[in-house]
Amino acid sequence: MNLVHYLTRKDEGSPHTALFWQMFYIDHAVVRLGNDKFIDLNKQDTIALYDLSRDKAESENLATAHSEKLHQLQEIREAWTS
């Protein structure tokens, strides 16, 4: 998909419902859904959830406080990778 029109704001909205990054060589994955960002650093046993509308610096990990949202993003990631 060509994202140029979205980056230059010729098209409004978002081209995708969710965005995914998978870094196989270091076993990391990221899911971005709306303002929520889920990070899974498998080799470091670290899982994080951030609300980018309130925390652009990703300094407040919400994984424990928002377990339902964390579970939803984990399921989206698993569906995408299977």
C-alpha atoms as a PDB file:
ATOM      1  CA  MET A   1       0.000   0.000   0.000  1.00  0.00           C
ATOM      2  CA  ASN A   2       1.255   3.453  -0.880  1.00  0.00           C
ATOM      3  CA  LEU A   3       1.306   5.590   2.269  1.00  0.00           C
ATOM      4  CA  VAL A   4       2.470   8.836   0.624  1.00  0.00           C
ATOM      5  CA  HIS A   5      -1.034  10.352   0.554  1.00  0.00           C
ATOM      6  CA  TYR A   6      -1.453   9.676   4.269  1.00  0.00           C
ATOM      7  CA  LEU A   7       1.974  11.051   5.141  1.00  0.00           C
ATOM      8  CA  THR A   8       1.370  14.225   3.146  1.00  0.00           C
ATOM      9  CA  ARG A   9      -2.183  14.497   4.582  1.00  0.00           C
ATOM     10  CA  LYS A  10      -3.861  14.368   1.169  1.00  0.00           C
ATOM     11  CA  ASP A  11      -5.915  11.470   2.579  1.00  0.00           C
ATOM     12  CA  GLU A  12      -7.398  11.708   6.068  1.00  0.00           C
ATOM     13  CA  GLY A  13      -7.695   8.867   8.527  1.00  0.00           C
ATOM     14  CA  SER A  14      -5.563   5.794   8.843  1.00  0.00           C
ATOM     15  CA  PRO A  15      -4.693   3.379   6.035  1.00  0.00           C
ATOM     16  CA  HIS A  16      -4.800   0.391   8.420  1.00  0.00           C
ATOM     17  CA  THR A  17      -6.697  -0.677  11.514  1.00  0.00           C
ATOM     18  CA  ALA A  18      -3.502  -1.934  13.156  1.00  0.00           C
ATOM     19  CA  LEU A  19       0.204  -1.765  12.395  1.00  0.00           C
ATOM     20  CA  PHE A  20       2.657  -4.583  13.128  1.00  0.00           C
ATOM     21  CA  TRP A  21       6.417  -4.822  13.442  1.00  0.00           C
ATOM     22  CA  GLN A  22       8.199  -8.132  13.839  1.00  0.00           C
ATOM     23  CA  MET A  23      11.959  -8.180  14.352  1.00  0.00           C
ATOM     24  CA  PHE A  24      12.800 -11.848  13.959  1.00  0.00           C
ATOM     25  CA  TYR A  25      16.536 -11.534  14.519  1.00  0.00           C
ATOM     26  CA  ILE A  26      16.000 -10.236  18.075  1.00  0.00           C
ATOM     27  CA  ASP A  27      12.551 -11.796  18.676  1.00  0.00           C
ATOM     28  CA  HIS A  28      10.669  -8.531  19.282  1.00  0.00           C
ATOM     29  CA  ALA A  29       7.161  -7.595  18.173  1.00  0.00           C
ATOM     30  CA  VAL A  30       5.081  -4.415  18.272  1.00  0.00           C
ATOM     31  CA  VAL A  31       1.367  -3.851  17.621  1.00  0.00           C
ATOM     32  CA  ARG A  32      -0.091  -0.366  17.232  1.00  0.00           C
ATOM     33  CA  LEU A  33      -3.878  -0.086  17.401  1.00  0.00           C
ATOM     34  CA  GLY A  34      -5.225   3.454  17.590  1.00  0.00           C
ATOM     35  CA  ASN A  35      -3.386   5.159  20.438  1.00  0.00           C
ATOM     36  CA  ASP A  36      -2.376   1.863  22.048  1.00  0.00           C
ATOM     37  CA  LYS A  37       1.061   0.371  21.510  1.00  0.00           C
ATOM     38  CA  PHE A  38       1.927  -3.162  22.645  1.00  0.00           C
ATOM     39  CA  ILE A  39       5.571  -4.233  22.814  1.00  0.00           C
ATOM     40  CA  ASP A  40       6.752  -7.802  23.356  1.00  0.00           C
ATOM     41  CA  LEU A  41      10.484  -8.242  23.922  1.00  0.00           C
ATOM     42  CA  ASN A  42      10.492 -12.028  24.147  1.00  0.00           C
ATOM     43  CA  LYS A  43      14.165 -12.610  24.870  1.00  0.00           C
ATOM     44  CA  GLN A  44      14.064 -10.050  27.682  1.00  0.00           C
ATOM     45  CA  ASP A  45      10.734 -11.338  29.110  1.00  0.00           C
ATOM     46  CA  THR A  46       9.321  -7.820  28.820  1.00  0.00           C
ATOM     47  CA  ILE A  47       5.793  -6.864  27.800  1.00  0.00           C
ATOM     48  CA  ALA A  48       4.644  -3.256  27.697  1.00  0.00           C
ATOM     49  CA  LEU A  49       1.481  -1.340  26.865  1.00  0.00           C
ATOM     50  CA  TYR A  50       1.418   2.405  26.261  1.00  0.00           C
ATOM     51  CA  ASP A  51      -1.309   4.950  25.527  1.00  0.00           C
ATOM     52  CA  LEU A  52       0.443   7.215  23.039  1.00  0.00           C
ATOM     53  CA  SER A  53      -2.253   9.888  23.276  1.00  0.00           C
ATOM     54  CA  ARG A  54      -1.147  10.548  26.875  1.00  0.00           C
ATOM     55  CA  ASP A  55       2.410   9.190  26.932  1.00  0.00           C
ATOM     56  CA  LYS A  56       4.375   9.852  23.747  1.00  0.00           C
ATOM     57  CA  ALA A  57       7.657   9.122  25.566  1.00  0.00           C
ATOM     58  CA  GLU A  58       6.432   5.607  26.463  1.00  0.00           C
ATOM     59  CA  SER A  59       7.396   6.070  30.097  1.00  0.00           C
ATOM     60  CA  GLU A  60       4.291   4.623  31.831  1.00  0.00           C
ATOM     61  CA  ASN A  61       3.831   0.890  31.228  1.00  0.00           C
ATOM     62  CA  LEU A  62       0.086   0.164  31.496  1.00  0.00           C
ATOM     63  CA  ALA A  63       0.346  -3.617  30.993  1.00  0.00           C
ATOM     64  CA  THR A  64      -0.647  -4.493  34.560  1.00  0.00           C
ATOM     65  CA  ALA A  65      -3.297  -1.801  34.970  1.00  0.00           C
ATOM     66  CA  HIS A  66      -5.031  -2.525  31.625  1.00  0.00           C
ATOM     67  CA  SER A  67      -4.876  -6.306  31.316  1.00  0.00           C
ATOM     68  CA  GLU A  68      -7.958  -6.523  29.035  1.00  0.00           C
ATOM     69  CA  LYS A  69      -6.404  -4.176  26.462  1.00  0.00           C
ATOM     70  CA  LEU A  70      -3.085  -6.031  26.777  1.00  0.00           C
ATOM     71  CA  HIS A  71      -4.818  -9.355  26.130  1.00  0.00           C
ATOM     72  CA  GLN A  72      -6.656  -7.905  23.099  1.00  0.00           C
ATOM     73  CA  LEU A  73      -3.402  -6.705  21.531  1.00  0.00           C
ATOM     74  CA  GLN A  74      -1.662 -10.001  22.301  1.00  0.00           C
ATOM     75  CA  GLU A  75      -4.460 -11.846  20.474  1.00  0.00           C
ATOM     76  CA  ILE A  76      -4.171  -9.502  17.486  1.00  0.00           C
ATOM     77  CA  ARG A  77      -0.430 -10.129  17.362  1.00  0.00           C
ATOM     78  CA  GLU A  78      -0.874 -13.907  17.557  1.00  0.00           C
ATOM     79  CA  ALA A  79      -3.497 -13.861  14.803  1.00  0.00           C
ATOM     80  CA  TRP A  80      -1.177 -11.807  12.620  1.00  0.00           C
ATOM     81  CA  THR A  81       1.848 -14.080  13.146  1.00  0.00           C
ATOM     82  CA  SER A  82       0.009 -17.386  12.701  1.00  0.00           C
END
